[in-house]
PDB file of N, CA and C in Angstrom:
ATOM      1  N   UNK A   1       0.786  -1.020  -0.020  1.00  0.00           N
ATOM      2  CA  UNK A   1       0.293   0.011   0.048  1.00  0.00           C
ATOM      3  C   UNK A   1       0.752   1.033  -0.068  1.00  0.00           C
ATOM      4  N   UNK A   2       0.563   2.365  -0.635  1.00  0.00           N
ATOM      5  CA  UNK A   2       1.221   3.374  -1.172  1.00  0.00           C
ATOM      6  C   UNK A   2       0.440   4.417   0.103  1.00  0.00           C
ATOM      7  N   UNK A   3       1.488   5.009   0.467  1.00  0.00           N
ATOM      8  CA  UNK A   3       1.232   6.203   1.343  1.00  0.00           C
ATOM      9  C   UNK A   3       2.036   7.667   1.104  1.00  0.00           C
ATOM     10  N   UNK A   4       1.245   8.881   1.475  1.00  0.00           N
ATOM     11  CA  UNK A   4       1.492  10.333   0.820  1.00  0.00           C
ATOM     12  C   UNK A   4       3.179  10.507   1.749  1.00  0.00           C
ATOM     13  N   UNK A   5       3.737   9.726   2.353  1.00  0.00           N
ATOM     14  CA  UNK A   5       4.996  10.032   2.410  1.00  0.00           C
ATOM     15  C   UNK A   5       6.020   8.919   1.807  1.00  0.00           C
ATOM     16  N   UNK A   6       5.845   8.296   1.038  1.00  0.00           N
ATOM     17  CA  UNK A   6       6.635   7.492   0.244  1.00  0.00           C
ATOM     18  C   UNK A   6       7.170   8.147  -0.843  1.00  0.00           C
ATOM     19  N   UNK A   7       8.200   7.754  -1.322  1.00  0.00           N
ATOM     20  CA  UNK A   7       9.061   8.392  -2.382  1.00  0.00           C
ATOM     21  C   UNK A   7       8.163   8.063  -3.686  1.00  0.00           C
ATOM     22  N   UNK A   8       7.810   9.154  -4.640  1.00  0.00           N
ATOM     23  CA  UNK A   8       7.126   8.403  -5.732  1.00  0.00           C
ATOM     24  C   UNK A   8       6.000   8.542  -5.892  1.00  0.00           C
ATOM     25  N   UNK A   9       5.487   8.659  -4.897  1.00  0.00           N
ATOM     26  CA  UNK A   9       3.978   8.610  -4.514  1.00  0.00           C
ATOM     27  C   UNK A   9       3.090   9.756  -5.404  1.00  0.00           C
ATOM     28  N   UNK A  10       3.493  10.857  -5.571  1.00  0.00           N
ATOM     29  CA  UNK A  10       2.956  11.917  -6.671  1.00  0.00           C
ATOM     30  C   UNK A  10       2.399  12.677  -5.561  1.00  0.00           C
ATOM     31  N   UNK A  11       2.236  12.441  -4.060  1.00  0.00           N
ATOM     32  CA  UNK A  11       1.357  13.447  -3.513  1.00  0.00           C
ATOM     33  C   UNK A  11       2.152  14.781  -2.849  1.00  0.00           C
ATOM     34  N   UNK A  12       1.887  15.597  -2.792  1.00  0.00           N
ATOM     35  CA  UNK A  12       2.490  16.791  -2.211  1.00  0.00           C
ATOM     36  C   UNK A  12       1.532  17.241  -1.332  1.00  0.00           C
ATOM     37  N   UNK A  13       1.662  17.368   0.263  1.00  0.00           N
ATOM     38  CA  UNK A  13       1.195  18.157   1.313  1.00  0.00           C
ATOM     39  C   UNK A  13       1.432  19.625   1.208  1.00  0.00           C
ATOM     40  N   UNK A  14       0.417  20.546   1.161  1.00  0.00           N
ATOM     41  CA  UNK A  14       0.466  21.860   0.679  1.00  0.00           C
ATOM     42  C   UNK A  14       1.128  22.400   2.080  1.00  0.00           C
ATOM     43  N   UNK A  15       1.189  21.736   3.549  1.00  0.00           N
ATOM     44  CA  UNK A  15       1.863  22.384   4.359  1.00  0.00           C
ATOM     45  C   UNK A  15       3.110  21.906   5.282  1.00  0.00           C
ATOM     46  N   UNK A  16       3.534  21.036   3.621  1.00  0.00           N
ATOM     47  CA  UNK A  16       4.817  20.482   3.926  1.00  0.00           C
ATOM     48  C   UNK A  16       5.829  21.494   3.393  1.00  0.00           C
ATOM     49  N   UNK A  17       7.221  21.429   3.970  1.00  0.00           N
ATOM     50  CA  UNK A  17       8.555  22.132   3.220  1.00  0.00           C
ATOM     51  C   UNK A  17       9.229  20.851   2.644  1.00  0.00           C
ATOM     52  N   UNK A  18       9.832  21.115   1.334  1.00  0.00           N
ATOM     53  CA  UNK A  18      10.535  19.800   0.801  1.00  0.00           C
ATOM     54  C   UNK A  18      11.796  20.273   0.230  1.00  0.00           C
ATOM     55  N   UNK A  19      13.074  19.785   0.527  1.00  0.00           N
ATOM     56  CA  UNK A  19      14.267  19.704  -0.076  1.00  0.00           C
ATOM     57  C   UNK A  19      14.024  19.585  -1.259  1.00  0.00           C
ATOM     58  N   UNK A  20      14.723  20.119  -2.491  1.00  0.00           N
ATOM     59  CA  UNK A  20      14.606  19.656  -3.696  1.00  0.00           C
ATOM     60  C   UNK A  20      15.011  18.420  -4.220  1.00  0.00           C
ATOM     61  N   UNK A  21      15.747  17.529  -3.793  1.00  0.00           N
ATOM     62  CA  UNK A  21      15.955  16.152  -3.720  1.00  0.00           C
ATOM     63  C   UNK A  21      14.672  15.465  -3.573  1.00  0.00           C
ATOM     64  N   UNK A  22      13.866  15.790  -2.153  1.00  0.00           N
ATOM     65  CA  UNK A  22      13.014  15.043  -1.726  1.00  0.00           C
ATOM     66  C   UNK A  22      11.630  15.351  -2.674  1.00  0.00           C
ATOM     67  N   UNK A  23      11.417  16.683  -3.214  1.00  0.00           N
ATOM     68  CA  UNK A  23      10.516  16.981  -3.850  1.00  0.00           C
ATOM     69  C   UNK A  23      10.605  16.408  -5.434  1.00  0.00           C
ATOM     70  N   UNK A  24      11.581  16.225  -5.765  1.00  0.00           N
ATOM     71  CA  UNK A  24      11.603  15.700  -6.993  1.00  0.00           C
ATOM     72  C   UNK A  24      11.649  13.884  -7.198  1.00  0.00           C
ATOM     73  N   UNK A  25      11.963  13.475  -6.292  1.00  0.00           N
ATOM     74  CA  UNK A  25      11.725  11.915  -5.553  1.00  0.00           C
ATOM     75  C   UNK A  25      10.207  11.759  -5.447  1.00  0.00           C
ATOM     76  N   UNK A  26       9.717  12.775  -4.625  1.00  0.00           N
ATOM     77  CA  UNK A  26       8.492  12.528  -4.133  1.00  0.00           C
ATOM     78  C   UNK A  26       7.257  12.362  -5.483  1.00  0.00           C
ATOM     79  N   UNK A  27       7.805  13.370  -6.425  1.00  0.00           N
ATOM     80  CA  UNK A  27       6.698  13.523  -7.632  1.00  0.00           C
ATOM     81  C   UNK A  27       7.171  12.288  -8.846  1.00  0.00           C
ATOM     82  N   UNK A  28       8.427  12.095  -8.606  1.00  0.00           N
ATOM     83  CA  UNK A  28       9.119  11.022  -9.568  1.00  0.00           C
ATOM     84  C   UNK A  28       9.235  11.836 -10.952  1.00  0.00           C
ATOM     85  N   UNK A  29       9.811  13.276 -10.978  1.00  0.00           N
ATOM     86  CA  UNK A  29      10.142  13.881 -11.427  1.00  0.00           C
ATOM     87  C   UNK A  29      11.643  14.153 -12.106  1.00  0.00           C
ATOM     88  N   UNK A  30      12.141  14.566 -13.142  1.00  0.00           N
ATOM     89  CA  UNK A  30      13.665  14.442 -13.304  1.00  0.00           C
ATOM     90  C   UNK A  30      13.770  16.224 -12.799  1.00  0.00           C
ATOM     91  N   UNK A  31      15.638  16.402 -12.557  1.00  0.00           N
ATOM     92  CA  UNK A  31      15.983  17.847 -12.459  1.00  0.00           C
ATOM     93  C   UNK A  31      15.550  18.537 -13.374  1.00  0.00           C
ATOM     94  N   UNK A  32      15.540  18.269 -14.670  1.00  0.00           N
ATOM     95  CA  UNK A  32      15.326  19.227 -15.936  1.00  0.00           C
ATOM     96  C   UNK A  32      13.476  19.800 -15.843  1.00  0.00           C
ATOM     97  N   UNK A  33      12.797  19.019 -15.371  1.00  0.00           N
ATOM     98  CA  UNK A  33      11.245  19.609 -15.142  1.00  0.00           C
ATOM     99  C   UNK A  33      11.533  20.385 -14.271  1.00  0.00           C
ATOM    100  N   UNK A  34      11.956  20.166 -12.840  1.00  0.00           N
ATOM    101  CA  UNK A  34      12.148  21.052 -12.054  1.00  0.00           C
ATOM    102  C   UNK A  34      12.472  22.421 -12.054  1.00  0.00           C
ATOM    103  N   UNK A  35      13.649  22.211 -12.998  1.00  0.00           N
ATOM    104  CA  UNK A  35      14.643  23.629 -13.492  1.00  0.00           C
ATOM    105  C   UNK A  35      13.493  24.384 -14.391  1.00  0.00           C
ATOM    106  N   UNK A  36      12.635  23.500 -15.034  1.00  0.00           N
ATOM    107  CA  UNK A  36      11.788  24.340 -15.928  1.00  0.00           C
ATOM    108  C   UNK A  36      10.590  24.938 -15.266  1.00  0.00           C
ATOM    109  N   UNK A  37      10.009  24.355 -14.141  1.00  0.00           N
ATOM    110  CA  UNK A  37       8.918  24.861 -13.167  1.00  0.00           C
ATOM    111  C   UNK A  37       9.710  26.164 -12.493  1.00  0.00           C
ATOM    112  N   UNK A  38      10.951  26.062 -12.134  1.00  0.00           N
ATOM    113  CA  UNK A  38      11.155  27.018 -11.481  1.00  0.00           C
ATOM    114  C   UNK A  38      11.556  28.560 -12.697  1.00  0.00           C
ATOM    115  N   UNK A  39      11.911  28.223 -13.685  1.00  0.00           N
ATOM    116  CA  UNK A  39      12.258  29.376 -14.644  1.00  0.00           C
ATOM    117  C   UNK A  39      10.601  29.955 -14.953  1.00  0.00           C
ATOM    118  N   UNK A  40       9.735  28.795 -14.852  1.00  0.00           N
ATOM    119  CA  UNK A  40       8.399  29.533 -15.416  1.00  0.00           C
ATOM    120  C   UNK A  40       7.510  29.931 -14.179  1.00  0.00           C
ATOM    121  N   UNK A  41       8.468  30.234 -12.661  1.00  0.00           N
ATOM    122  CA  UNK A  41       7.712  30.757 -11.816  1.00  0.00           C
ATOM    123  C   UNK A  41       7.726  30.116 -10.244  1.00  0.00           C
ATOM    124  N   UNK A  42       8.151  28.694 -10.135  1.00  0.00           N
ATOM    125  CA  UNK A  42       7.844  28.107  -8.857  1.00  0.00           C
ATOM    126  C   UNK A  42       8.575  28.706  -8.187  1.00  0.00           C
ATOM    127  N   UNK A  43       8.209  28.984  -6.454  1.00  0.00           N
ATOM    128  CA  UNK A  43       8.764  29.714  -5.644  1.00  0.00           C
ATOM    129  C   UNK A  43       9.988  28.545  -4.912  1.00  0.00           C
ATOM    130  N   UNK A  44      11.291  29.222  -5.101  1.00  0.00           N
ATOM    131  CA  UNK A  44      12.472  28.450  -4.039  1.00  0.00           C
ATOM    132  C   UNK A  44      12.503  28.988  -2.879  1.00  0.00           C
ATOM    133  N   UNK A  45      12.978  28.402  -1.898  1.00  0.00           N
ATOM    134  CA  UNK A  45      13.206  29.374  -0.656  1.00  0.00           C
ATOM    135  C   UNK A  45      14.400  28.848  -0.286  1.00  0.00           C
ATOM    136  N   UNK A  46      15.612  29.882  -0.083  1.00  0.00           N
ATOM    137  CA  UNK A  46      16.832  29.276   0.179  1.00  0.00           C
ATOM    138  C   UNK A  46      17.077  29.907   1.689  1.00  0.00           C
ATOM    139  N   UNK A  47      17.885  28.659   2.437  1.00  0.00           N
ATOM    140  CA  UNK A  47      18.146  29.051   3.790  1.00  0.00           C
ATOM    141  C   UNK A  47      19.319  28.324   4.223  1.00  0.00           C
ATOM    142  N   UNK A  48      20.399  29.248   4.411  1.00  0.00           N
ATOM    143  CA  UNK A  48      21.715  28.644   4.981  1.00  0.00           C
ATOM    144  C   UNK A  48      22.229  27.499   3.755  1.00  0.00           C
ATOM    145  N   UNK A  49      22.254  28.305   2.387  1.00  0.00           N
ATOM    146  CA  UNK A  49      22.801  27.579   1.011  1.00  0.00           C
ATOM    147  C   UNK A  49      21.536  26.051   0.734  1.00  0.00           C
ATOM    148  N   UNK A  50      20.716  25.850   1.408  1.00  0.00           N
ATOM    149  CA  UNK A  50      19.914  24.854   1.036  1.00  0.00           C
ATOM    150  C   UNK A  50      18.576  25.333   0.470  1.00  0.00           C
ATOM    151  N   UNK A  51      17.797  24.940  -0.687  1.00  0.00           N
ATOM    152  CA  UNK A  51      16.717  25.243  -1.200  1.00  0.00           C
ATOM    153  C   UNK A  51      15.771  24.266  -0.868  1.00  0.00           C
ATOM    154  N   UNK A  52      14.624  24.967  -0.634  1.00  0.00           N
ATOM    155  CA  UNK A  52      13.062  24.314  -0.362  1.00  0.00           C
ATOM    156  C   UNK A  52      12.235  24.436  -1.271  1.00  0.00           C
ATOM    157  N   UNK A  53      11.163  23.862  -1.277  1.00  0.00           N
ATOM    158  CA  UNK A  53      10.228  24.054  -2.222  1.00  0.00           C
ATOM    159  C   UNK A  53       8.803  23.862  -1.098  1.00  0.00           C
ATOM    160  N   UNK A  54       7.976  25.055  -0.681  1.00  0.00           N
ATOM    161  CA  UNK A  54       6.869  24.445  -0.024  1.00  0.00           C
ATOM    162  C   UNK A  54       5.647  24.167  -0.853  1.00  0.00           C
ATOM    163  N   UNK A  55       5.006  22.938  -0.199  1.00  0.00           N
ATOM    164  CA  UNK A  55       4.147  22.036  -1.158  1.00  0.00           C
ATOM    165  C   UNK A  55       2.893  23.236  -1.763  1.00  0.00           C
ATOM    166  N   UNK A  56       2.476  24.281  -0.754  1.00  0.00           N
ATOM    167  CA  UNK A  56       1.187  25.111  -1.225  1.00  0.00           C
ATOM    168  C   UNK A  56       1.829  25.748  -2.571  1.00  0.00           C
ATOM    169  N   UNK A  57       3.012  26.014  -2.665  1.00  0.00           N
ATOM    170  CA  UNK A  57       3.547  26.873  -3.941  1.00  0.00           C
ATOM    171  C   UNK A  57       3.505  26.062  -4.881  1.00  0.00           C
ATOM    172  N   UNK A  58       3.567  24.787  -4.765  1.00  0.00           N
ATOM    173  CA  UNK A  58       3.791  23.731  -6.198  1.00  0.00           C
ATOM    174  C   UNK A  58       2.160  23.838  -6.625  1.00  0.00           C
ATOM    175  N   UNK A  59       1.355  23.309  -5.952  1.00  0.00           N
ATOM    176  CA  UNK A  59      -0.109  23.440  -5.848  1.00  0.00           C
ATOM    177  C   UNK A  59      -0.646  24.427  -6.619  1.00  0.00           C
ATOM    178  N   UNK A  60      -0.023  25.722  -6.015  1.00  0.00           N
ATOM    179  CA  UNK A  60      -0.446  27.145  -6.599  1.00  0.00           C
ATOM    180  C   UNK A  60       0.054  27.166  -8.355  1.00  0.00           C
ATOM    181  N   UNK A  61       1.338  26.746  -8.359  1.00  0.00           N
ATOM    182  CA  UNK A  61       2.029  26.543  -9.793  1.00  0.00           C
ATOM    183  C   UNK A  61       1.125  25.685 -10.377  1.00  0.00           C
ATOM    184  N   UNK A  62       0.843  24.450 -10.072  1.00  0.00           N
ATOM    185  CA  UNK A  62       0.065  23.755 -10.845  1.00  0.00           C
ATOM    186  C   UNK A  62      -1.571  24.222 -11.121  1.00  0.00           C
ATOM    187  N   UNK A  63      -1.757  24.690 -10.212  1.00  0.00           N
ATOM    188  CA  UNK A  63      -3.625  25.266 -10.816  1.00  0.00           C
ATOM    189  C   UNK A  63      -3.262  26.475 -11.635  1.00  0.00           C
ATOM    190  N   UNK A  64      -2.152  27.221 -11.586  1.00  0.00           N
ATOM    191  CA  UNK A  64      -2.238  28.232 -12.225  1.00  0.00           C
ATOM    192  C   UNK A  64      -1.577  28.042 -13.897  1.00  0.00           C
ATOM    193  N   UNK A  65      -0.779  26.874 -14.120  1.00  0.00           N
ATOM    194  CA  UNK A  65      -0.382  26.603 -15.397  1.00  0.00           C
ATOM    195  C   UNK A  65      -1.285  26.206 -16.276  1.00  0.00           C
ATOM    196  N   UNK A  66      -0.960  26.717 -17.463  1.00  0.00           N
ATOM    197  CA  UNK A  66      -1.793  26.782 -18.696  1.00  0.00           C
ATOM    198  C   UNK A  66      -2.033  25.319 -19.026  1.00  0.00           C
ATOM    199  N   UNK A  67      -3.040  25.133 -19.601  1.00  0.00           N
ATOM    200  CA  UNK A  67      -3.218  23.519 -20.242  1.00  0.00           C
ATOM    201  C   UNK A  67      -2.361  23.269 -21.239  1.00  0.00           C
ATOM    202  N   UNK A  68      -2.103  22.336 -21.775  1.00  0.00           N
ATOM    203  CA  UNK A  68      -1.270  21.895 -22.891  1.00  0.00           C
ATOM    204  C   UNK A  68      -2.914  22.190 -24.331  1.00  0.00           C
ATOM    205  N   UNK A  69      -2.127  22.313 -25.392  1.00  0.00           N
ATOM    206  CA  UNK A  69      -3.294  22.445 -26.368  1.00  0.00           C
ATOM    207  C   UNK A  69      -4.183  21.108 -26.478  1.00  0.00           C
ATOM    208  N   UNK A  70      -3.349  20.090 -26.296  1.00  0.00           N
ATOM    209  CA  UNK A  70      -4.257  18.576 -26.204  1.00  0.00           C
ATOM    210  C   UNK A  70      -5.416  18.794 -25.154  1.00  0.00           C
ATOM    211  N   UNK A  71      -4.825  19.132 -24.052  1.00  0.00           N
ATOM    212  CA  UNK A  71      -5.483  19.072 -23.019  1.00  0.00           C
ATOM    213  C   UNK A  71      -6.649  19.913 -23.138  1.00  0.00           C
ATOM    214  N   UNK A  72      -6.486  21.044 -23.531  1.00  0.00           N
ATOM    215  CA  UNK A  72      -7.619  22.405 -23.755  1.00  0.00           C
ATOM    216  C   UNK A  72      -8.529  21.761 -24.661  1.00  0.00           C
ATOM    217  N   UNK A  73      -7.957  21.028 -26.015  1.00  0.00           N
ATOM    218  CA  UNK A  73      -9.213  20.833 -26.698  1.00  0.00           C
ATOM    219  C   UNK A  73      -9.929  19.783 -26.315  1.00  0.00           C
ATOM    220  N   UNK A  74      -9.360  18.817 -25.738  1.00  0.00           N
ATOM    221  CA  UNK A  74     -10.446  17.693 -24.825  1.00  0.00           C
ATOM    222  C   UNK A  74     -11.689  18.458 -24.310  1.00  0.00           C
ATOM    223  N   UNK A  75     -10.986  19.525 -23.363  1.00  0.00           N
ATOM    224  CA  UNK A  75     -11.985  20.131 -22.270  1.00  0.00           C
ATOM    225  C   UNK A  75     -12.823  20.967 -23.058  1.00  0.00           C
ATOM    226  N   UNK A  76     -12.251  21.658 -24.387  1.00  0.00           N
ATOM    227  CA  UNK A  76     -13.401  22.424 -25.019  1.00  0.00           C
ATOM    228  C   UNK A  76     -14.503  21.373 -25.905  1.00  0.00           C
ATOM    229  N   UNK A  77     -14.238  20.193 -25.873  1.00  0.00           N
ATOM    230  CA  UNK A  77     -15.218  19.307 -26.649  1.00  0.00           C
ATOM    231  C   UNK A  77     -16.332  18.803 -25.831  1.00  0.00           C
ATOM    232  N   UNK A  78     -16.072  18.863 -24.607  1.00  0.00           N
ATOM    233  CA  UNK A  78     -17.029  18.149 -23.429  1.00  0.00           C
ATOM    234  C   UNK A  78     -18.320  19.160 -23.553  1.00  0.00           C
TER     235      UNK A  78
END
Protein backbone atom coordinates (compact mmCIF):
# COMPACT_ATOMS: atom_id res chain seq x y z
CA UNK A 1 0.00 0.00 0.00
CA UNK A 2 1.34 3.44 -0.94
CA UNK A 3 1.11 6.30 1.53
CA UNK A 4 1.62 10.00 0.87
CA UNK A 5 4.97 9.84 2.71
CA UNK A 6 6.56 7.40 0.26
CA UNK A 7 8.91 8.51 -2.50
CA UNK A 8 7.38 8.52 -5.95
CA UNK A 9 3.86 8.69 -4.54
CA UNK A 10 3.12 11.89 -6.47
CA UNK A 11 1.40 13.40 -3.44
CA UNK A 12 2.48 16.81 -2.17
CA UNK A 13 1.21 18.04 1.18
CA UNK A 14 0.41 21.78 1.01
CA UNK A 15 1.70 22.31 4.56
CA UNK A 16 5.09 20.60 4.14
CA UNK A 17 8.45 22.00 3.12
CA UNK A 18 10.53 19.79 0.80
CA UNK A 19 14.20 19.77 -0.14
CA UNK A 20 14.68 19.81 -3.90
CA UNK A 21 15.86 16.20 -3.84
CA UNK A 22 12.93 14.99 -1.75
CA UNK A 23 10.54 16.97 -3.93
CA UNK A 24 11.73 15.44 -7.21
CA UNK A 25 11.72 11.96 -5.68
CA UNK A 26 8.24 12.42 -4.23
CA UNK A 27 6.83 13.46 -7.60
CA UNK A 28 9.01 11.11 -9.62
CA UNK A 29 10.18 13.97 -11.87
CA UNK A 30 13.58 14.74 -13.32
CA UNK A 31 15.71 17.69 -12.24
CA UNK A 32 15.19 19.20 -15.71
CA UNK A 33 11.44 19.26 -15.10
CA UNK A 34 11.96 21.06 -11.81
CA UNK A 35 14.31 23.57 -13.49
CA UNK A 36 11.62 24.33 -16.06
CA UNK A 37 9.05 24.87 -13.32
CA UNK A 38 11.42 27.19 -11.49
CA UNK A 39 12.00 29.23 -14.65
CA UNK A 40 8.24 29.41 -15.12
CA UNK A 41 7.72 30.87 -11.65
CA UNK A 42 7.75 28.11 -9.05
CA UNK A 43 9.01 29.66 -5.80
CA UNK A 44 12.10 28.18 -4.17
CA UNK A 45 13.25 29.28 -0.71
CA UNK A 46 16.90 29.35 0.28
CA UNK A 47 18.12 29.06 3.85
CA UNK A 48 21.84 28.66 4.59
CA UNK A 49 22.60 27.48 1.05
CA UNK A 50 19.82 24.86 1.13
CA UNK A 51 16.84 25.10 -1.23
CA UNK A 52 13.25 24.20 -0.32
CA UNK A 53 9.86 24.12 -2.00
CA UNK A 54 6.69 24.66 0.01
CA UNK A 55 3.92 22.27 -0.97
CA UNK A 56 1.36 25.08 -1.28
CA UNK A 57 3.60 26.86 -3.82
CA UNK A 58 3.71 23.73 -5.99
CA UNK A 59 -0.06 23.31 -5.83
CA UNK A 60 -0.56 26.99 -6.74
CA UNK A 61 1.94 26.64 -9.60
CA UNK A 62 0.10 23.61 -11.01
CA UNK A 63 -3.33 25.23 -10.63
CA UNK A 64 -2.16 28.39 -12.40
CA UNK A 65 -0.38 26.58 -15.25
CA UNK A 66 -1.92 26.75 -18.67
CA UNK A 67 -3.09 23.39 -20.04
CA UNK A 68 -1.33 21.90 -23.05
CA UNK A 69 -3.10 22.37 -26.38
CA UNK A 70 -4.28 18.73 -26.46
CA UNK A 71 -5.71 19.02 -22.92
CA UNK A 72 -7.44 22.29 -23.77
CA UNK A 73 -8.98 20.82 -26.92
CA UNK A 74 -10.32 17.86 -24.94
CA UNK A 75 -11.96 20.16 -22.38
CA UNK A 76 -13.47 22.30 -25.17
CA UNK A 77 -15.09 19.20 -26.68
CA UNK A 78 -17.03 18.42 -23.50
